[in-house]
C-alpha atoms as a PDB file:
ATOM      1  CA  MET A   1     -10.542  -8.290  26.762  1.00  0.00           C
ATOM      2  CA  PRO A   2     -13.074 -11.057  26.000  1.00  0.00           C
ATOM      3  CA  ASP A   3     -13.593 -12.585  22.572  1.00  0.00           C
ATOM      4  CA  VAL A   4     -16.208 -10.681  20.592  1.00  0.00           C
ATOM      5  CA  SER A   5     -18.302 -11.696  17.594  1.00  0.00           C
ATOM      6  CA  ASP A   6     -18.195  -9.222  14.708  1.00  0.00           C
ATOM      7  CA  GLY A   7     -21.974  -9.443  14.403  1.00  0.00           C
ATOM      8  CA  VAL A   8     -21.865  -9.786  10.621  1.00  0.00           C
ATOM      9  CA  THR A   9     -20.062 -12.990   9.683  1.00  0.00           C
ATOM     10  CA  GLY A  10     -20.454 -14.590  13.082  1.00  0.00           C
ATOM     11  CA  THR A  11     -16.679 -14.912  13.411  1.00  0.00           C
ATOM     12  CA  THR A  12     -15.514 -14.730  17.009  1.00  0.00           C
ATOM     13  CA  ARG A  13     -12.416 -12.585  17.201  1.00  0.00           C
ATOM     14  CA  GLY A  14      -9.948 -12.248  20.032  1.00  0.00           C
ATOM     15  CA  ASN A  15      -8.018  -9.114  20.866  1.00  0.00           C
ATOM     16  CA  GLY A  16      -4.772 -10.131  19.192  1.00  0.00           C
ATOM     17  CA  VAL A  17      -2.709  -8.518  16.440  1.00  0.00           C
ATOM     18  CA  VAL A  18      -1.230 -10.101  13.335  1.00  0.00           C
ATOM     19  CA  VAL A  19       1.652  -8.265  11.658  1.00  0.00           C
ATOM     20  CA  ALA A  20       1.698  -9.431   8.040  1.00  0.00           C
ATOM     21  CA  VAL A  21       4.755  -9.054   5.842  1.00  0.00           C
ATOM     22  CA  LEU A  22       4.194 -10.138   2.241  1.00  0.00           C
ATOM     23  CA  THR A  23       7.252 -11.289   0.323  1.00  0.00           C
ATOM     24  CA  TYR A  24       8.235 -12.322  -3.188  1.00  0.00           C
ATOM     25  CA  LEU A  25      11.855 -13.222  -4.028  1.00  0.00           C
ATOM     26  CA  ARG A  26      13.343 -10.883  -1.408  1.00  0.00           C
ATOM     27  CA  VAL A  27      14.688 -13.266   1.207  1.00  0.00           C
ATOM     28  CA  PRO A  28      17.657 -11.115   2.383  1.00  0.00           C
ATOM     29  CA  GLU A  29      15.394  -8.099   2.949  1.00  0.00           C
ATOM     30  CA  LEU A  30      12.835 -10.278   4.734  1.00  0.00           C
ATOM     31  CA  LEU A  31      15.405 -11.745   7.099  1.00  0.00           C
ATOM     32  CA  ARG A  32      16.604  -8.248   8.008  1.00  0.00           C
ATOM     33  CA  VAL A  33      13.161  -7.010   9.053  1.00  0.00           C
ATOM     34  CA  LEU A  34      11.760 -10.106  10.772  1.00  0.00           C
ATOM     35  CA  PRO A  35      13.711  -9.795  14.049  1.00  0.00           C
ATOM     36  CA  GLU A  36      12.521  -6.206  14.521  1.00  0.00           C
ATOM     37  CA  LEU A  37       8.903  -7.137  13.753  1.00  0.00           C
ATOM     38  CA  ARG A  38       9.123 -10.053  16.139  1.00  0.00           C
ATOM     39  CA  THR A  39      10.559  -7.840  18.907  1.00  0.00           C
ATOM     40  CA  GLN A  40       7.856  -5.200  18.504  1.00  0.00           C
ATOM     41  CA  ALA A  41       5.126  -7.853  18.468  1.00  0.00           C
ATOM     42  CA  ALA A  42       6.536  -9.409  21.662  1.00  0.00           C
ATOM     43  CA  ASP A  43       6.644  -6.007  23.392  1.00  0.00           C
ATOM     44  CA  LEU A  44       3.026  -5.160  22.598  1.00  0.00           C
ATOM     45  CA  ALA A  45       0.566  -5.030  25.486  1.00  0.00           C
ATOM     46  CA  ARG A  46      -1.794  -7.444  23.717  1.00  0.00           C
ATOM     47  CA  PRO A  47      -1.151 -10.806  22.033  1.00  0.00           C
ATOM     48  CA  ALA A  48       0.659 -10.359  18.719  1.00  0.00           C
ATOM     49  CA  ARG A  49       2.398 -12.521  16.157  1.00  0.00           C
ATOM     50  CA  VAL A  50       4.191 -12.043  12.844  1.00  0.00           C
ATOM     51  CA  LEU A  51       2.886 -13.647   9.665  1.00  0.00           C
ATOM     52  CA  VAL A  52       5.047 -14.143   6.556  1.00  0.00           C
ATOM     53  CA  VAL A  53       3.000 -14.630   3.381  1.00  0.00           C
ATOM     54  CA  ASP A  54       5.294 -15.968   0.659  1.00  0.00           C
ATOM     55  CA  ASN A  55       3.878 -15.295  -2.811  1.00  0.00           C
ATOM     56  CA  ASP A  56       6.672 -17.134  -4.615  1.00  0.00           C
ATOM     57  CA  PRO A  57       5.163 -20.191  -6.362  1.00  0.00           C
ATOM     58  CA  ALA A  58       8.321 -22.108  -5.395  1.00  0.00           C
ATOM     59  CA  ALA A  59       7.987 -21.094  -1.717  1.00  0.00           C
ATOM     60  CA  GLY A  60      11.517 -19.712  -1.850  1.00  0.00           C
ATOM     61  CA  ALA A  61      11.412 -18.053   1.566  1.00  0.00           C
ATOM     62  CA  ARG A  62      10.217 -21.103   3.516  1.00  0.00           C
ATOM     63  CA  ASP A  63      13.600 -22.618   4.379  1.00  0.00           C
ATOM     64  CA  ALA A  64      15.124 -19.279   5.373  1.00  0.00           C
ATOM     65  CA  VAL A  65      12.229 -18.328   7.657  1.00  0.00           C
ATOM     66  CA  GLU A  66      12.143 -21.746   9.290  1.00  0.00           C
ATOM     67  CA  ALA A  67      15.929 -21.751   9.721  1.00  0.00           C
ATOM     68  CA  ALA A  68      15.757 -18.356  11.444  1.00  0.00           C
ATOM     69  CA  GLY A  69      13.679 -20.013  14.176  1.00  0.00           C
ATOM     70  CA  LEU A  70      12.130 -16.797  15.450  1.00  0.00           C
ATOM     71  CA  PRO A  71       9.433 -17.418  18.093  1.00  0.00           C
ATOM     72  CA  GLY A  72       6.108 -15.836  17.202  1.00  0.00           C
ATOM     73  CA  VAL A  73       6.857 -15.811  13.456  1.00  0.00           C
ATOM     74  CA  HIS A  74       4.536 -17.929  11.329  1.00  0.00           C
ATOM     75  CA  TYR A  75       5.125 -18.763   7.650  1.00  0.00           C
ATOM     76  CA  VAL A  76       2.444 -19.502   5.036  1.00  0.00           C
ATOM     77  CA  HIS A  77       2.777 -20.093   1.315  1.00  0.00           C
ATOM     78  CA  GLU A  78       0.305 -18.423  -1.068  1.00  0.00           C
ATOM     79  CA  PRO A  79       1.010 -19.898  -4.535  1.00  0.00           C
ATOM     80  CA  GLU A  80      -1.621 -17.899  -6.435  1.00  0.00           C
ATOM     81  CA  PRO A  81       0.293 -15.139  -8.256  1.00  0.00           C
ATOM     82  CA  GLY A  82      -0.522 -11.528  -7.510  1.00  0.00           C
ATOM     83  CA  ILE A  83      -0.279  -9.298  -4.488  1.00  0.00           C
ATOM     84  CA  ALA A  84      -4.065  -9.206  -4.060  1.00  0.00           C
ATOM     85  CA  ALA A  85      -4.059 -12.965  -3.405  1.00  0.00           C
ATOM     86  CA  ALA A  86      -1.296 -12.566  -0.827  1.00  0.00           C
ATOM     87  CA  ARG A  87      -3.148  -9.738   0.910  1.00  0.00           C
ATOM     88  CA  ASN A  88      -6.360 -11.768   1.037  1.00  0.00           C
ATOM     89  CA  ARG A  89      -4.404 -14.716   2.453  1.00  0.00           C
ATOM     90  CA  ALA A  90      -3.261 -12.437   5.263  1.00  0.00           C
ATOM     91  CA  LEU A  91      -6.885 -11.478   5.936  1.00  0.00           C
ATOM     92  CA  ASP A  92      -7.840 -15.141   6.099  1.00  0.00           C
ATOM     93  CA  GLU A  93      -4.925 -16.105   8.351  1.00  0.00           C
ATOM     94  CA  ALA A  94      -5.895 -13.326  10.791  1.00  0.00           C
ATOM     95  CA  ALA A  95      -9.552 -14.378  10.861  1.00  0.00           C
ATOM     96  CA  GLN A  96      -9.595 -14.975  14.626  1.00  0.00           C
ATOM     97  CA  GLU A  97      -7.863 -11.747  15.645  1.00  0.00           C
ATOM     98  CA  ALA A  98      -8.891  -8.132  16.119  1.00  0.00           C
ATOM     99  CA  LEU A  99      -6.228  -6.311  14.145  1.00  0.00           C
ATOM    100  CA  LEU A 100      -4.132  -6.916  11.039  1.00  0.00           C
ATOM    101  CA  VAL A 101      -1.104  -4.746  10.304  1.00  0.00           C
ATOM    102  CA  PHE A 102       0.547  -4.716   6.881  1.00  0.00           C
ATOM    103  CA  VAL A 103       4.194  -3.777   6.316  1.00  0.00           C
ATOM    104  CA  ASP A 104       6.462  -4.343   3.300  1.00  0.00           C
ATOM    105  CA  ASP A 105       9.375  -6.771   3.371  1.00  0.00           C
ATOM    106  CA  ASP A 106      11.909  -4.077   2.384  1.00  0.00           C
ATOM    107  CA  GLU A 107      10.886  -1.594   5.087  1.00  0.00           C
ATOM    108  CA  VAL A 108      12.250  -1.002   8.572  1.00  0.00           C
ATOM    109  CA  PRO A 109       9.805   0.152  11.277  1.00  0.00           C
ATOM    110  CA  SER A 110      10.804   2.870  13.711  1.00  0.00           C
ATOM    111  CA  PRO A 111      11.072   2.022  17.437  1.00  0.00           C
ATOM    112  CA  GLY A 112       7.591   1.720  18.903  1.00  0.00           C
ATOM    113  CA  TRP A 113       5.987   1.701  15.449  1.00  0.00           C
ATOM    114  CA  LEU A 114       3.547  -1.128  16.171  1.00  0.00           C
ATOM    115  CA  ALA A 115       2.592   0.193  19.611  1.00  0.00           C
ATOM    116  CA  GLN A 116       1.923   3.644  18.116  1.00  0.00           C
ATOM    117  CA  LEU A 117      -0.397   2.228  15.444  1.00  0.00           C
ATOM    118  CA  VAL A 118      -2.357   0.247  18.019  1.00  0.00           C
ATOM    119  CA  ALA A 119      -2.496   3.178  20.467  1.00  0.00           C
ATOM    120  CA  THR A 120      -3.877   5.467  17.774  1.00  0.00           C
ATOM    121  CA  TRP A 121      -6.547   2.890  16.939  1.00  0.00           C
ATOM    122  CA  GLU A 122      -7.440   2.581  20.632  1.00  0.00           C
ATOM    123  CA  THR A 123      -7.773   6.352  21.046  1.00  0.00           C
ATOM    124  CA  HIS A 124      -9.989   6.712  17.959  1.00  0.00           C
ATOM    125  CA  PRO A 125     -12.983   4.461  18.652  1.00  0.00           C
ATOM    126  CA  GLY A 126     -14.664   3.283  15.495  1.00  0.00           C
ATOM    127  CA  ALA A 127     -11.617   3.724  13.255  1.00  0.00           C
ATOM    128  CA  ALA A 128     -11.562   1.059  10.563  1.00  0.00           C
ATOM    129  CA  ALA A 129      -7.888   1.668   9.779  1.00  0.00           C
ATOM    130  CA  VAL A 130      -4.800   3.545  10.913  1.00  0.00           C
ATOM    131  CA  VAL A 131      -2.266   4.759   8.356  1.00  0.00           C
ATOM    132  CA  GLY A 132       1.367   5.671   9.043  1.00  0.00           C
ATOM    133  CA  PRO A 133       3.989   7.676   7.121  1.00  0.00           C
ATOM    134  CA  ILE A 134       6.860   6.461   4.958  1.00  0.00           C
ATOM    135  CA  ASP A 135      10.440   7.724   5.005  1.00  0.00           C
ATOM    136  CA  CYS A 136      12.941   6.853   2.290  1.00  0.00           C
ATOM    137  CA  ARG A 137      16.512   5.636   2.670  1.00  0.00           C
ATOM    138  CA  PHE A 138      18.408   5.727  -0.611  1.00  0.00           C
ATOM    139  CA  ASP A 139      21.263   3.429  -1.561  1.00  0.00           C
ATOM    140  CA  ARG A 140      22.558   6.498  -3.384  1.00  0.00           C
ATOM    141  CA  PRO A 141      21.044   9.990  -3.441  1.00  0.00           C
ATOM    142  CA  PRO A 142      18.687  10.704  -6.350  1.00  0.00           C
ATOM    143  CA  GLY A 143      20.047  12.871  -9.136  1.00  0.00           C
ATOM    144  CA  PRO A 144      18.991  16.542  -9.335  1.00  0.00           C
ATOM    145  CA  TRP A 145      16.178  15.894 -11.815  1.00  0.00           C
ATOM    146  CA  VAL A 146      14.510  13.213  -9.667  1.00  0.00           C
ATOM    147  CA  ALA A 147      15.110  15.132  -6.432  1.00  0.00           C
ATOM    148  CA  LYS A 148      13.692  18.408  -7.742  1.00  0.00           C
ATOM    149  CA  GLY A 149      10.773  16.569  -9.280  1.00  0.00           C
ATOM    150  CA  ARG A 150       9.817  15.471  -5.736  1.00  0.00           C
ATOM    151  CA  PHE A 151       9.107  11.929  -6.876  1.00  0.00           C
ATOM    152  CA  PHE A 152       9.795  10.505  -3.427  1.00  0.00           C
ATOM    153  CA  ASP A 153       7.875  13.022  -1.355  1.00  0.00           C
ATOM    154  CA  HIS A 154       5.316  11.398   0.948  1.00  0.00           C
ATOM    155  CA  ARG A 155       2.384  12.992   2.726  1.00  0.00           C
ATOM    156  CA  ARG A 156       2.722  14.225   6.275  1.00  0.00           C
ATOM    157  CA  LEU A 157      -0.352  14.827   8.438  1.00  0.00           C
ATOM    158  CA  PRO A 158      -1.068  15.412  12.131  1.00  0.00           C
ATOM    159  CA  THR A 159      -2.061  12.339  14.124  1.00  0.00           C
ATOM    160  CA  GLY A 160      -5.829  11.880  14.045  1.00  0.00           C
ATOM    161  CA  SER A 161      -6.299  13.382  10.576  1.00  0.00           C
ATOM    162  CA  THR A 162      -8.712  11.411   8.414  1.00  0.00           C
ATOM    163  CA  VAL A 163      -7.634  10.026   5.056  1.00  0.00           C
ATOM    164  CA  ASP A 164      -9.608   8.431   2.255  1.00  0.00           C
ATOM    165  CA  VAL A 165      -6.948   6.288   0.546  1.00  0.00           C
ATOM    166  CA  ALA A 166      -3.852   4.391   1.678  1.00  0.00           C
ATOM    167  CA  ALA A 167      -1.353   1.735   0.686  1.00  0.00           C
ATOM    168  CA  THR A 168      -0.604  -1.441   2.625  1.00  0.00           C
ATOM    169  CA  ASN A 169       3.033  -0.537   3.276  1.00  0.00           C
ATOM    170  CA  ASN A 170       2.079   0.872   6.702  1.00  0.00           C
ATOM    171  CA  LEU A 171      -1.530   0.067   7.490  1.00  0.00           C
ATOM    172  CA  LEU A 172      -3.475  -1.235  10.489  1.00  0.00           C
ATOM    173  CA  LEU A 173      -6.913  -2.732   9.872  1.00  0.00           C
ATOM    174  CA  ASP A 174      -9.715  -3.288  12.366  1.00  0.00           C
ATOM    175  CA  LEU A 175     -10.881  -6.676  11.132  1.00  0.00           C
ATOM    176  CA  ARG A 176     -14.350  -6.334  12.627  1.00  0.00           C
ATOM    177  CA  ALA A 177     -14.786  -3.188  10.543  1.00  0.00           C
ATOM    178  CA  VAL A 178     -13.411  -4.968   7.477  1.00  0.00           C
ATOM    179  CA  ASP A 179     -16.003  -7.704   7.938  1.00  0.00           C
ATOM    180  CA  ARG A 180     -18.792  -5.213   8.549  1.00  0.00           C
ATOM    181  CA  LEU A 181     -17.918  -3.209   5.430  1.00  0.00           C
ATOM    182  CA  GLY A 182     -17.521  -6.341   3.300  1.00  0.00           C
ATOM    183  CA  VAL A 183     -14.221  -5.429   1.646  1.00  0.00           C
ATOM    184  CA  ARG A 184     -11.607  -7.723   0.111  1.00  0.00           C
ATOM    185  CA  PHE A 185      -8.619  -7.159  -2.164  1.00  0.00           C
ATOM    186  CA  ASP A 186      -9.652  -7.323  -5.822  1.00  0.00           C
ATOM    187  CA  ALA A 187      -7.794  -9.925  -7.893  1.00  0.00           C
ATOM    188  CA  ARG A 188      -8.200  -7.761 -11.019  1.00  0.00           C
ATOM    189  CA  PHE A 189      -5.472  -5.570  -9.529  1.00  0.00           C
ATOM    190  CA  GLY A 190      -3.170  -8.444  -8.593  1.00  0.00           C
ATOM    191  CA  GLU A 191      -0.611  -7.896 -11.364  1.00  0.00           C
ATOM    192  CA  SER A 192      -1.119  -4.194 -11.931  1.00  0.00           C
ATOM    193  CA  GLY A 193      -0.922  -3.037  -8.324  1.00  0.00           C
ATOM    194  CA  GLY A 194      -3.609  -0.878  -6.796  1.00  0.00           C
ATOM    195  CA  SER A 195      -5.642  -3.501  -4.958  1.00  0.00           C
ATOM    196  CA  ASP A 196      -4.760  -1.650  -1.745  1.00  0.00           C
ATOM    197  CA  THR A 197      -5.869   1.658  -3.290  1.00  0.00           C
ATOM    198  CA  LEU A 198      -9.251   0.168  -4.212  1.00  0.00           C
ATOM    199  CA  PHE A 199      -9.561  -1.618  -0.851  1.00  0.00           C
ATOM    200  CA  THR A 200      -8.995   1.528   1.215  1.00  0.00           C
ATOM    201  CA  ARG A 201     -11.128   3.700  -1.074  1.00  0.00           C
ATOM    202  CA  GLU A 202     -13.931   1.166  -0.607  1.00  0.00           C
ATOM    203  CA  ILE A 203     -13.544   1.426   3.158  1.00  0.00           C
ATOM    204  CA  ALA A 204     -13.946   5.201   2.919  1.00  0.00           C
ATOM    205  CA  THR A 205     -16.880   5.160   0.487  1.00  0.00           C
ATOM    206  CA  ARG A 206     -18.724   2.580   2.625  1.00  0.00           C
ATOM    207  CA  GLY A 207     -18.486   4.753   5.716  1.00  0.00           C
ATOM    208  CA  GLY A 208     -15.303   3.490   7.338  1.00  0.00           C
ATOM    209  CA  VAL A 209     -13.000   6.013   8.998  1.00  0.00           C
ATOM    210  CA  MET A 210      -9.232   5.869   8.425  1.00  0.00           C
ATOM    211  CA  VAL A 211      -6.996   7.979  10.663  1.00  0.00           C
ATOM    212  CA  TRP A 212      -3.363   9.049  10.418  1.00  0.00           C
ATOM    213  CA  CYS A 213      -0.657   8.230  12.965  1.00  0.00           C
ATOM    214  CA  ALA A 214       2.333  10.538  12.446  1.00  0.00           C
ATOM    215  CA  GLU A 215       4.477   8.688  15.007  1.00  0.00           C
ATOM    216  CA  ALA A 216       4.282   5.231  13.375  1.00  0.00           C
ATOM    217  CA  THR A 217       6.955   5.625  10.711  1.00  0.00           C
ATOM    218  CA  VAL A 218       8.519   2.973   8.518  1.00  0.00           C
ATOM    219  CA  THR A 219      11.618   3.519   6.396  1.00  0.00           C
ATOM    220  CA  ASP A 220      11.572   2.254   2.828  1.00  0.00           C
ATOM    221  CA  ARG A 221      14.892   1.255   1.285  1.00  0.00           C
ATOM    222  CA  VAL A 222      15.132   2.622  -2.263  1.00  0.00           C
ATOM    223  CA  PRO A 223      17.692   0.762  -4.409  1.00  0.00           C
ATOM    224  CA  ASP A 224      19.681   2.414  -7.203  1.00  0.00           C
ATOM    225  CA  ALA A 225      17.377   1.117  -9.930  1.00  0.00           C
ATOM    226  CA  ARG A 226      14.448   3.033  -8.473  1.00  0.00           C
ATOM    227  CA  VAL A 227      16.001   6.496  -8.498  1.00  0.00           C
ATOM    228  CA  ARG A 228      16.297   6.605 -12.265  1.00  0.00           C
ATOM    229  CA  PRO A 229      13.980   8.875 -14.284  1.00  0.00           C
ATOM    230  CA  ALA A 230      12.536   5.996 -16.310  1.00  0.00           C
ATOM    231  CA  TRP A 231      11.530   4.075 -13.175  1.00  0.00           C
ATOM    232  CA  VAL A 232       9.977   7.002 -11.299  1.00  0.00           C
ATOM    233  CA  LEU A 233       8.010   8.096 -14.364  1.00  0.00           C
ATOM    234  CA  ARG A 234       6.716   4.569 -14.889  1.00  0.00           C
ATOM    235  CA  ARG A 235       5.593   4.493 -11.248  1.00  0.00           C
ATOM    236  CA  VAL A 236       3.847   7.881 -11.563  1.00  0.00           C
ATOM    237  CA  ARG A 237       2.076   6.771 -14.742  1.00  0.00           C
ATOM    238  CA  ARG A 238       0.974   3.573 -13.035  1.00  0.00           C
ATOM    239  CA  GLY A 239      -0.368   5.635 -10.127  1.00  0.00           C
ATOM    240  CA  GLY A 240      -2.546   7.621 -12.508  1.00  0.00           C
ATOM    241  CA  ASN A 241      -3.676   4.432 -14.213  1.00  0.00           C
ATOM    242  CA  THR A 242      -4.601   2.913 -10.854  1.00  0.00           C
ATOM    243  CA  TRP A 243      -6.519   6.007  -9.775  1.00  0.00           C
ATOM    244  CA  SER A 244      -8.689   5.903 -12.882  1.00  0.00           C
ATOM    245  CA  ARG A 245      -9.273   2.167 -12.746  1.00  0.00           C
ATOM    246  CA  THR A 246     -10.260   2.253  -9.076  1.00  0.00           C
ATOM    247  CA  SER A 247     -12.533   5.246  -9.685  1.00  0.00           C
ATOM    248  CA  VAL A 248     -14.281   3.340 -12.473  1.00  0.00           C
ATOM    249  CA  ALA A 249     -14.550   0.217 -10.300  1.00  0.00           C
ATOM    250  CA  LEU A 250     -16.172   2.225  -7.488  1.00  0.00           C
ATOM    251  CA  ALA A 251     -18.787   3.757  -9.802  1.00  0.00           C
ATOM    252  CA  PRO A 252     -22.044   1.817 -10.326  1.00  0.00           C
ATOM    253  CA  PRO A 253     -22.536   0.341 -13.815  1.00  0.00           C
ATOM    254  CA  GLY A 254     -24.472   2.383 -16.326  1.00  0.00           C
ATOM    255  CA  PRO A 255     -24.550   6.114 -17.070  1.00  0.00           C
ATOM    256  CA  ARG A 256     -22.774   7.106 -13.861  1.00  0.00           C
ATOM    257  CA  ARG A 257     -19.777   4.934 -14.672  1.00  0.00           C
ATOM    258  CA  TRP A 258     -19.553   6.455 -18.141  1.00  0.00           C
ATOM    259  CA  ARG A 259     -19.643   9.919 -16.580  1.00  0.00           C
ATOM    260  CA  VAL A 260     -16.762   8.933 -14.318  1.00  0.00           C
ATOM    261  CA  ARG A 261     -14.790   7.725 -17.327  1.00  0.00           C
ATOM    262  CA  ALA A 262     -15.464  10.974 -19.166  1.00  0.00           C
ATOM    263  CA  SER A 263     -14.431  13.057 -16.170  1.00  0.00           C
ATOM    264  CA  LEU A 264     -11.196  11.095 -15.832  1.00  0.00           C
ATOM    265  CA  LEU A 265     -10.445  11.548 -19.524  1.00  0.00           C
ATOM    266  CA  VAL A 266     -10.892  15.293 -19.208  1.00  0.00           C
ATOM    267  CA  SER A 267      -8.879  15.672 -16.003  1.00  0.00           C
ATOM    268  CA  GLY A 268      -6.170  13.320 -17.219  1.00  0.00           C
ATOM    269  CA  GLY A 269      -5.937  15.091 -20.563  1.00  0.00           C
ATOM    270  CA  ALA A 270      -5.696  18.445 -18.782  1.00  0.00           C
ATOM    271  CA  ARG A 271      -2.779  17.151 -16.717  1.00  0.00           C
ATOM    272  CA  VAL A 272      -1.006  15.970 -19.854  1.00  0.00           C
ATOM    273  CA  ALA A 273      -1.421  19.385 -21.472  1.00  0.00           C
ATOM    274  CA  LEU A 274      -0.490  21.428 -18.413  1.00  0.00           C
ATOM    275  CA  GLY A 275       2.425  19.154 -17.629  1.00  0.00           C
ATOM    276  CA  ALA A 276       3.753  19.428 -21.164  1.00  0.00           C
ATOM    277  CA  VAL A 277       3.594  23.232 -21.023  1.00  0.00           C
ATOM    278  CA  ARG A 278       5.334  23.345 -17.657  1.00  0.00           C
ATOM    279  CA  ALA A 279       8.027  20.950 -18.840  1.00  0.00           C
ATOM    280  CA  LEU A 280       8.600  23.059 -21.960  1.00  0.00           C
ATOM    281  CA  VAL A 281       8.900  26.238 -19.906  1.00  0.00           C
ATOM    282  CA  GLY A 282      11.287  24.492 -17.543  1.00  0.00           C
ATOM    283  CA  THR A 283      13.404  23.365 -20.486  1.00  0.00           C
ATOM    284  CA  LEU A 284      13.568  26.815 -22.057  1.00  0.00           C
ATOM    285  CA  LEU A 285      14.358  28.811 -18.899  1.00  0.00           C
ATOM    286  CA  PRO A 286      16.147  26.390 -17.958  1.00  0.00           C
ATOM    287  CA  TRP A 287      14.590  25.388 -14.625  1.00  0.00           C
ATOM    288  CA  THR A 288      15.041  21.768 -13.630  1.00  0.00           C
ATOM    289  CA  ALA A 289      12.303  21.710 -11.003  1.00  0.00           C
ATOM    290  CA  HIS A 290       9.675  23.021 -13.438  1.00  0.00           C
ATOM    291  CA  GLN A 291      10.749  20.600 -16.123  1.00  0.00           C
ATOM    292  CA  ALA A 292      10.737  17.566 -13.831  1.00  0.00           C
ATOM    293  CA  ARG A 293       7.422  18.407 -12.179  1.00  0.00           C
ATOM    294  CA  GLY A 294       5.858  19.120 -15.554  1.00  0.00           C
ATOM    295  CA  VAL A 295       6.920  15.726 -16.876  1.00  0.00           C
ATOM    296  CA  ARG A 296       5.656  14.128 -13.655  1.00  0.00           C
ATOM    297  CA  LEU A 297       2.260  15.806 -14.031  1.00  0.00           C
ATOM    298  CA  ALA A 298       1.999  14.752 -17.690  1.00  0.00           C
ATOM    299  CA  ALA A 299       2.934  11.151 -16.830  1.00  0.00           C
ATOM    300  CA  ARG A 300       0.225  10.934 -14.190  1.00  0.00           C
ATOM    301  CA  GLY A 301      -2.293  12.431 -16.608  1.00  0.00           C
ATOM    302  CA  LEU A 302      -1.339   9.895 -19.263  1.00  0.00           C
ATOM    303  CA  GLY A 303      -1.892   7.089 -16.766  1.00  0.00           C
ATOM    304  CA  MET A 304      -5.302   8.522 -15.882  1.00  0.00           C
ATOM    305  CA  VAL A 305      -6.307   8.644 -19.556  1.00  0.00           C
ATOM    306  CA  THR A 306      -5.230   5.063 -20.226  1.00  0.00           C
ATOM    307  CA  GLY A 307      -6.944   3.818 -17.073  1.00  0.00           C
ATOM    308  CA  ALA A 308     -10.160   5.613 -17.976  1.00  0.00           C
ATOM    309  CA  VAL A 309     -10.412   3.710 -21.254  1.00  0.00           C
ATOM    310  CA  GLY A 310      -9.604   0.364 -19.655  1.00  0.00           C
ATOM    311  CA  VAL A 311      -5.902  -0.035 -20.455  1.00  0.00           C
ATOM    312  CA  VAL A 312      -4.124  -1.835 -17.597  1.00  0.00           C
ATOM    313  CA  ASP A 313      -0.516  -1.111 -16.673  1.00  0.00           C
ATOM    314  CA  HIS A 314       0.714  -4.537 -15.505  1.00  0.00           C
ATOM    315  CA  GLU A 315       3.673  -3.359 -13.440  1.00  0.00           C
ATOM    316  CA  TYR A 316       3.870  -6.619 -11.474  1.00  0.00           C
ATOM    317  CA  ARG A 317       3.151  -9.100 -14.254  1.00  0.00           C
ATOM    318  CA  ARG A 318       5.367 -12.130 -13.929  1.00  0.00           C
ATOM    319  CA  ALA A 319       6.972 -14.104 -16.706  1.00  0.00           C
ATOM    320  CA  ARG A 320       4.836 -17.076 -17.644  1.00  0.00           C
ATOM    321  CA  ARG A 321       6.460 -20.418 -16.949  1.00  0.00           C
END
């Protein structure tokens, strides 16, 4: 396939693929996944390479990646704190290629994962992105309350279904479409999380099509600390906070933005109330599933309310040095 200009920025892109794995202080996990990413990139029918973006200010993963000596694996250091900066660095590093694929450093892709993502993109002309599913592998099984609350359930859709929001833990981007739509990861969400939520919602609102690929699965390792009620509730609350903040960011300034805030306050408050009632009923019956799902609903509603009024949940804020 010949090099093609995107027609917007004038950048001439090839037909290659960059698989970007962003990392921060997780060298053992990174070293486990890199050989598999490298193998899948080498087996692809088009040129492909693996890019490690190290967001540790001390570049802690550099020596380990270089010592591994894996052909086709390229390391870059992004010292600016925040996952949005690391994601934008990946966009910049892939500037000459056609496709950019994001995967997390603590995930393991299924056999043929990369080829399935690319094949789905090829069979859906015009798709700006392809999104794949997440499976969970637990270091220890969640307790009954977390399990019945369905905190780790992930969506499942038929291949070819369209979606309007996605995370970057299993995401292929058509970089010509990204250029055409003029989207970047917003630094305001660098320490709170959610820059991928805003990025993909912007793609959808600007006319980009994102399609699902059911066959391109990655498995997320869930450590013990993340199956505790306090952690899962904090994550649910942050999800609600992110949804409100991205909804406000997408709304034009002025009366419409204030209407969006008001709508989020109402819907978030309703979730808090309904969730509290369901949790109370579940406690009185007793019925663990009702209680857990009620608390989950109330936590998301609380996050939506705080996000609507501009409170930011800095889940990824780092200690200042």
